């Protein structure tokens, strides 16, 4: 699983049927210190995340399995909203 921050949403007037009703979010990938690691990605939202939320997401085939309809083309799916990250100190995603 990977960490990211929801920085926006993506609106599509047309998408494949297997993604009907699935919200698409723009996610900034982060490392364990909540620092940006690469360019933002589009991820399907399985947990009703919103802008500013720190989330964990999965990529590859596992991303497709996070949605109700497993037969879908998702490359990334948000699987949960992070409350905090513990490494050698507590990092509060809220600030």
N, C-alpha and C. Protein backbone atom coordinates (compact mmCIF):
# COMPACT_ATOMS: atom_id res chain seq x y z
N UNK A 1 0.84 -1.18 0.00
CA UNK A 1 0.00 0.00 0.00
C UNK A 1 0.88 1.23 0.00
N UNK A 2 0.32 2.31 -0.48
CA UNK A 2 1.04 3.56 -0.62
C UNK A 2 0.27 4.68 0.06
N UNK A 3 1.00 5.71 0.47
CA UNK A 3 0.36 6.88 1.09
C UNK A 3 0.20 7.98 0.05
N UNK A 4 -0.84 8.78 0.20
CA UNK A 4 -1.06 9.92 -0.68
C UNK A 4 -1.96 10.94 -0.02
N UNK A 5 -2.01 12.11 -0.63
CA UNK A 5 -2.91 13.18 -0.17
C UNK A 5 -3.85 13.52 -1.31
N UNK A 6 -5.14 13.55 -1.03
CA UNK A 6 -6.13 13.92 -2.04
C UNK A 6 -6.03 15.42 -2.27
N UNK A 7 -5.73 15.79 -3.53
CA UNK A 7 -5.56 17.21 -3.85
C UNK A 7 -6.63 17.74 -4.78
N UNK A 8 -7.55 16.88 -5.18
CA UNK A 8 -8.63 17.32 -6.05
C UNK A 8 -9.45 16.15 -6.54
N UNK A 9 -10.42 16.46 -7.39
CA UNK A 9 -11.22 15.38 -7.97
C UNK A 9 -11.18 15.49 -9.49
N UNK A 10 -11.56 14.43 -10.14
CA UNK A 10 -11.57 14.36 -11.60
C UNK A 10 -13.00 14.08 -12.02
N UNK A 11 -13.50 14.89 -12.93
CA UNK A 11 -14.86 14.74 -13.42
C UNK A 11 -14.82 14.25 -14.86
N UNK A 12 -15.52 13.16 -15.11
CA UNK A 12 -15.58 12.57 -16.46
C UNK A 12 -17.04 12.49 -16.90
N UNK A 13 -17.31 12.97 -18.09
CA UNK A 13 -18.68 12.85 -18.60
C UNK A 13 -18.93 11.47 -19.16
N UNK A 14 -17.86 10.76 -19.53
CA UNK A 14 -17.99 9.39 -20.03
C UNK A 14 -16.86 8.55 -19.45
N UNK A 15 -17.18 7.35 -19.02
CA UNK A 15 -16.16 6.40 -18.58
C UNK A 15 -16.70 5.00 -18.78
N UNK A 16 -15.83 4.01 -18.66
CA UNK A 16 -16.26 2.63 -18.87
C UNK A 16 -17.33 2.25 -17.86
N UNK A 17 -18.21 1.37 -18.26
CA UNK A 17 -19.36 0.98 -17.44
C UNK A 17 -18.95 0.45 -16.06
N UNK A 18 -17.83 -0.26 -15.98
CA UNK A 18 -17.40 -0.83 -14.70
C UNK A 18 -17.01 0.23 -13.67
N UNK A 19 -16.83 1.47 -14.12
CA UNK A 19 -16.51 2.57 -13.19
C UNK A 19 -17.69 3.51 -12.97
N UNK A 20 -18.87 3.16 -13.47
CA UNK A 20 -20.06 3.98 -13.22
C UNK A 20 -20.29 4.10 -11.72
N UNK A 21 -20.50 5.31 -11.25
CA UNK A 21 -20.75 5.54 -9.83
C UNK A 21 -19.51 5.60 -8.97
N UNK A 22 -18.33 5.42 -9.56
CA UNK A 22 -17.07 5.47 -8.81
C UNK A 22 -16.49 6.87 -8.92
N UNK A 23 -16.20 7.46 -7.76
CA UNK A 23 -15.61 8.80 -7.71
C UNK A 23 -14.12 8.69 -8.03
N UNK A 24 -13.62 9.62 -8.84
CA UNK A 24 -12.20 9.66 -9.19
C UNK A 24 -11.54 10.85 -8.50
N UNK A 25 -10.41 10.59 -7.84
CA UNK A 25 -9.71 11.63 -7.08
C UNK A 25 -8.30 11.81 -7.61
N UNK A 26 -7.78 13.03 -7.50
CA UNK A 26 -6.40 13.32 -7.83
C UNK A 26 -5.60 13.17 -6.54
N UNK A 27 -4.60 12.28 -6.55
CA UNK A 27 -3.84 11.94 -5.34
C UNK A 27 -2.37 12.26 -5.54
N UNK A 28 -1.79 13.00 -4.58
CA UNK A 28 -0.36 13.28 -4.57
C UNK A 28 0.34 12.19 -3.77
N UNK A 29 1.15 11.32 -4.39
CA UNK A 29 1.86 10.29 -3.64
C UNK A 29 2.81 10.90 -2.60
N UNK A 30 2.89 10.25 -1.43
CA UNK A 30 3.71 10.71 -0.32
C UNK A 30 4.58 9.57 0.20
N UNK A 31 5.67 9.93 0.89
CA UNK A 31 6.46 8.91 1.59
C UNK A 31 5.97 8.83 3.03
N UNK A 32 6.65 8.02 3.87
CA UNK A 32 6.22 7.83 5.25
C UNK A 32 6.34 9.09 6.10
N UNK A 33 7.10 10.10 5.60
CA UNK A 33 7.21 11.38 6.31
C UNK A 33 6.22 12.41 5.75
N UNK A 34 5.33 11.92 4.90
CA UNK A 34 4.29 12.73 4.24
C UNK A 34 4.87 13.80 3.34
N UNK A 35 6.00 13.46 2.70
CA UNK A 35 6.64 14.33 1.71
C UNK A 35 6.28 13.83 0.32
N UNK A 36 6.07 14.76 -0.62
CA UNK A 36 5.72 14.39 -1.99
C UNK A 36 6.82 13.55 -2.62
N UNK A 37 6.43 12.52 -3.36
CA UNK A 37 7.43 11.63 -3.95
C UNK A 37 7.42 11.60 -5.48
N UNK A 38 6.30 11.90 -6.09
CA UNK A 38 6.21 11.84 -7.56
C UNK A 38 5.02 12.67 -8.01
N UNK A 39 4.75 12.61 -9.30
CA UNK A 39 3.63 13.37 -9.87
C UNK A 39 2.29 12.81 -9.37
N UNK A 40 1.27 13.67 -9.29
CA UNK A 40 -0.06 13.20 -8.87
C UNK A 40 -0.61 12.14 -9.82
N UNK A 41 -1.49 11.30 -9.27
CA UNK A 41 -2.14 10.24 -10.04
C UNK A 41 -3.65 10.35 -9.87
N UNK A 42 -4.39 9.68 -10.74
CA UNK A 42 -5.84 9.58 -10.59
C UNK A 42 -6.13 8.24 -9.94
N UNK A 43 -6.96 8.25 -8.89
CA UNK A 43 -7.30 7.01 -8.18
C UNK A 43 -8.81 6.92 -7.99
N UNK A 44 -9.33 5.73 -8.10
CA UNK A 44 -10.73 5.48 -7.77
C UNK A 44 -10.87 5.58 -6.26
N UNK A 45 -12.02 6.05 -5.80
CA UNK A 45 -12.24 6.26 -4.37
C UNK A 45 -13.26 5.25 -3.84
N UNK A 46 -12.77 4.31 -3.01
CA UNK A 46 -13.65 3.29 -2.43
C UNK A 46 -14.11 3.66 -1.03
N UNK A 47 -13.65 4.81 -0.49
CA UNK A 47 -13.93 5.12 0.93
C UNK A 47 -14.49 6.52 1.16
N UNK A 48 -14.88 7.22 0.12
CA UNK A 48 -15.45 8.56 0.22
C UNK A 48 -14.46 9.57 0.82
N UNK A 49 -13.22 9.53 0.34
CA UNK A 49 -12.21 10.50 0.75
C UNK A 49 -12.52 11.86 0.13
N UNK A 50 -11.92 12.90 0.67
CA UNK A 50 -12.13 14.23 0.15
C UNK A 50 -10.84 15.01 0.08
N UNK A 51 -10.86 16.16 -0.58
CA UNK A 51 -9.65 16.97 -0.70
C UNK A 51 -9.03 17.26 0.67
N UNK A 52 -7.71 17.08 0.75
CA UNK A 52 -6.98 17.31 1.99
C UNK A 52 -6.77 16.05 2.82
N UNK A 53 -7.52 14.99 2.55
CA UNK A 53 -7.37 13.74 3.31
C UNK A 53 -6.06 13.05 2.95
N UNK A 54 -5.38 12.52 3.96
CA UNK A 54 -4.26 11.62 3.74
C UNK A 54 -4.86 10.22 3.63
N UNK A 55 -4.50 9.51 2.59
CA UNK A 55 -5.12 8.21 2.30
C UNK A 55 -4.06 7.15 2.05
N UNK A 56 -4.48 5.88 2.13
CA UNK A 56 -3.61 4.84 1.59
C UNK A 56 -4.34 4.25 0.40
N UNK A 57 -3.53 3.93 -0.61
CA UNK A 57 -4.09 3.41 -1.86
C UNK A 57 -3.25 2.25 -2.34
N UNK A 58 -3.83 1.49 -3.24
CA UNK A 58 -3.14 0.33 -3.81
C UNK A 58 -3.11 0.50 -5.31
N UNK A 59 -2.08 -0.03 -5.93
CA UNK A 59 -1.94 0.02 -7.39
C UNK A 59 -1.95 -1.38 -7.96
N UNK A 60 -1.90 -1.46 -9.28
CA UNK A 60 -1.86 -2.75 -9.95
C UNK A 60 -3.19 -3.49 -9.86
N UNK A 61 -3.13 -4.80 -9.99
CA UNK A 61 -4.36 -5.63 -9.97
C UNK A 61 -5.12 -5.48 -8.66
N UNK A 62 -4.39 -5.29 -7.57
CA UNK A 62 -5.05 -5.12 -6.26
C UNK A 62 -5.95 -3.89 -6.25
N UNK A 63 -5.63 -2.88 -7.04
CA UNK A 63 -6.47 -1.68 -7.11
C UNK A 63 -7.86 -2.02 -7.62
N UNK A 64 -7.93 -2.87 -8.63
CA UNK A 64 -9.23 -3.26 -9.19
C UNK A 64 -10.06 -4.03 -8.16
N UNK A 65 -9.40 -4.80 -7.30
CA UNK A 65 -10.12 -5.61 -6.31
C UNK A 65 -10.73 -4.77 -5.20
N UNK A 66 -10.33 -3.52 -5.07
CA UNK A 66 -10.88 -2.65 -4.04
C UNK A 66 -12.26 -2.09 -4.38
N UNK A 67 -12.70 -2.30 -5.60
CA UNK A 67 -14.01 -1.78 -6.03
C UNK A 67 -15.03 -2.90 -6.05
N UNK A 68 -16.30 -2.52 -6.00
CA UNK A 68 -17.38 -3.51 -5.96
C UNK A 68 -17.34 -4.43 -7.18
N UNK A 69 -17.19 -3.83 -8.36
CA UNK A 69 -17.07 -4.61 -9.60
C UNK A 69 -15.59 -4.88 -9.83
N UNK A 70 -15.13 -6.11 -9.59
CA UNK A 70 -13.71 -6.44 -9.68
C UNK A 70 -13.17 -6.38 -11.10
N UNK A 71 -14.02 -6.44 -12.09
CA UNK A 71 -13.57 -6.41 -13.48
C UNK A 71 -13.60 -4.97 -13.96
N UNK A 72 -12.51 -4.22 -13.66
CA UNK A 72 -12.42 -2.82 -14.01
C UNK A 72 -10.97 -2.47 -14.35
N UNK A 73 -10.75 -1.34 -15.01
CA UNK A 73 -9.39 -0.99 -15.44
C UNK A 73 -8.62 -0.10 -14.44
N UNK A 74 -9.00 -0.08 -13.18
CA UNK A 74 -8.35 0.80 -12.21
C UNK A 74 -6.87 0.46 -12.03
N UNK A 75 -6.02 1.50 -12.09
CA UNK A 75 -4.59 1.35 -11.79
C UNK A 75 -4.28 1.77 -10.36
N UNK A 76 -5.21 2.49 -9.72
CA UNK A 76 -5.03 2.93 -8.34
C UNK A 76 -6.40 3.10 -7.70
N UNK A 77 -6.53 2.61 -6.46
CA UNK A 77 -7.78 2.75 -5.72
C UNK A 77 -7.47 3.14 -4.28
N UNK A 78 -8.16 4.16 -3.80
CA UNK A 78 -8.03 4.58 -2.41
C UNK A 78 -8.76 3.56 -1.56
N UNK A 79 -8.04 2.97 -0.59
CA UNK A 79 -8.58 1.90 0.25
C UNK A 79 -8.90 2.36 1.67
N UNK A 80 -8.36 3.51 2.11
CA UNK A 80 -8.62 3.96 3.46
C UNK A 80 -8.15 5.39 3.69
N UNK A 81 -8.68 6.01 4.75
CA UNK A 81 -8.28 7.36 5.16
C UNK A 81 -7.39 7.21 6.38
N UNK A 82 -6.23 7.85 6.35
CA UNK A 82 -5.22 7.73 7.41
C UNK A 82 -5.52 8.71 8.54
N UNK A 83 -5.52 8.20 9.78
CA UNK A 83 -5.68 9.06 10.95
C UNK A 83 -4.34 9.62 11.41
N UNK A 84 -3.29 8.78 11.38
CA UNK A 84 -1.95 9.25 11.73
C UNK A 84 -0.92 8.22 11.26
N UNK A 85 0.32 8.68 11.18
CA UNK A 85 1.42 7.82 10.77
C UNK A 85 2.41 7.80 11.92
N UNK A 86 2.76 6.60 12.40
CA UNK A 86 3.74 6.46 13.46
C UNK A 86 5.02 5.86 12.88
N UNK A 87 6.12 6.61 13.00
CA UNK A 87 7.43 6.03 12.70
C UNK A 87 8.22 6.23 13.99
N UNK A 88 9.25 7.03 14.01
CA UNK A 88 9.95 7.28 15.25
C UNK A 88 9.32 8.46 16.01
N UNK A 89 8.33 9.10 15.39
CA UNK A 89 7.53 10.14 16.04
C UNK A 89 6.17 10.16 15.38
N UNK A 90 5.17 10.71 16.03
CA UNK A 90 3.82 10.77 15.49
C UNK A 90 3.74 11.93 14.50
N UNK A 91 3.23 11.66 13.31
CA UNK A 91 2.99 12.70 12.32
C UNK A 91 1.48 12.83 12.17
N UNK A 92 0.95 13.99 12.48
CA UNK A 92 -0.49 14.24 12.40
C UNK A 92 -0.82 14.77 11.02
N UNK A 93 -1.58 14.01 10.18
CA UNK A 93 -1.92 14.48 8.83
C UNK A 93 -2.72 15.78 8.86
N UNK A 94 -3.36 16.08 9.97
CA UNK A 94 -4.17 17.30 10.05
C UNK A 94 -3.35 18.56 10.25
N UNK A 95 -2.05 18.46 10.42
CA UNK A 95 -1.26 19.69 10.54
C UNK A 95 -0.28 19.66 11.58
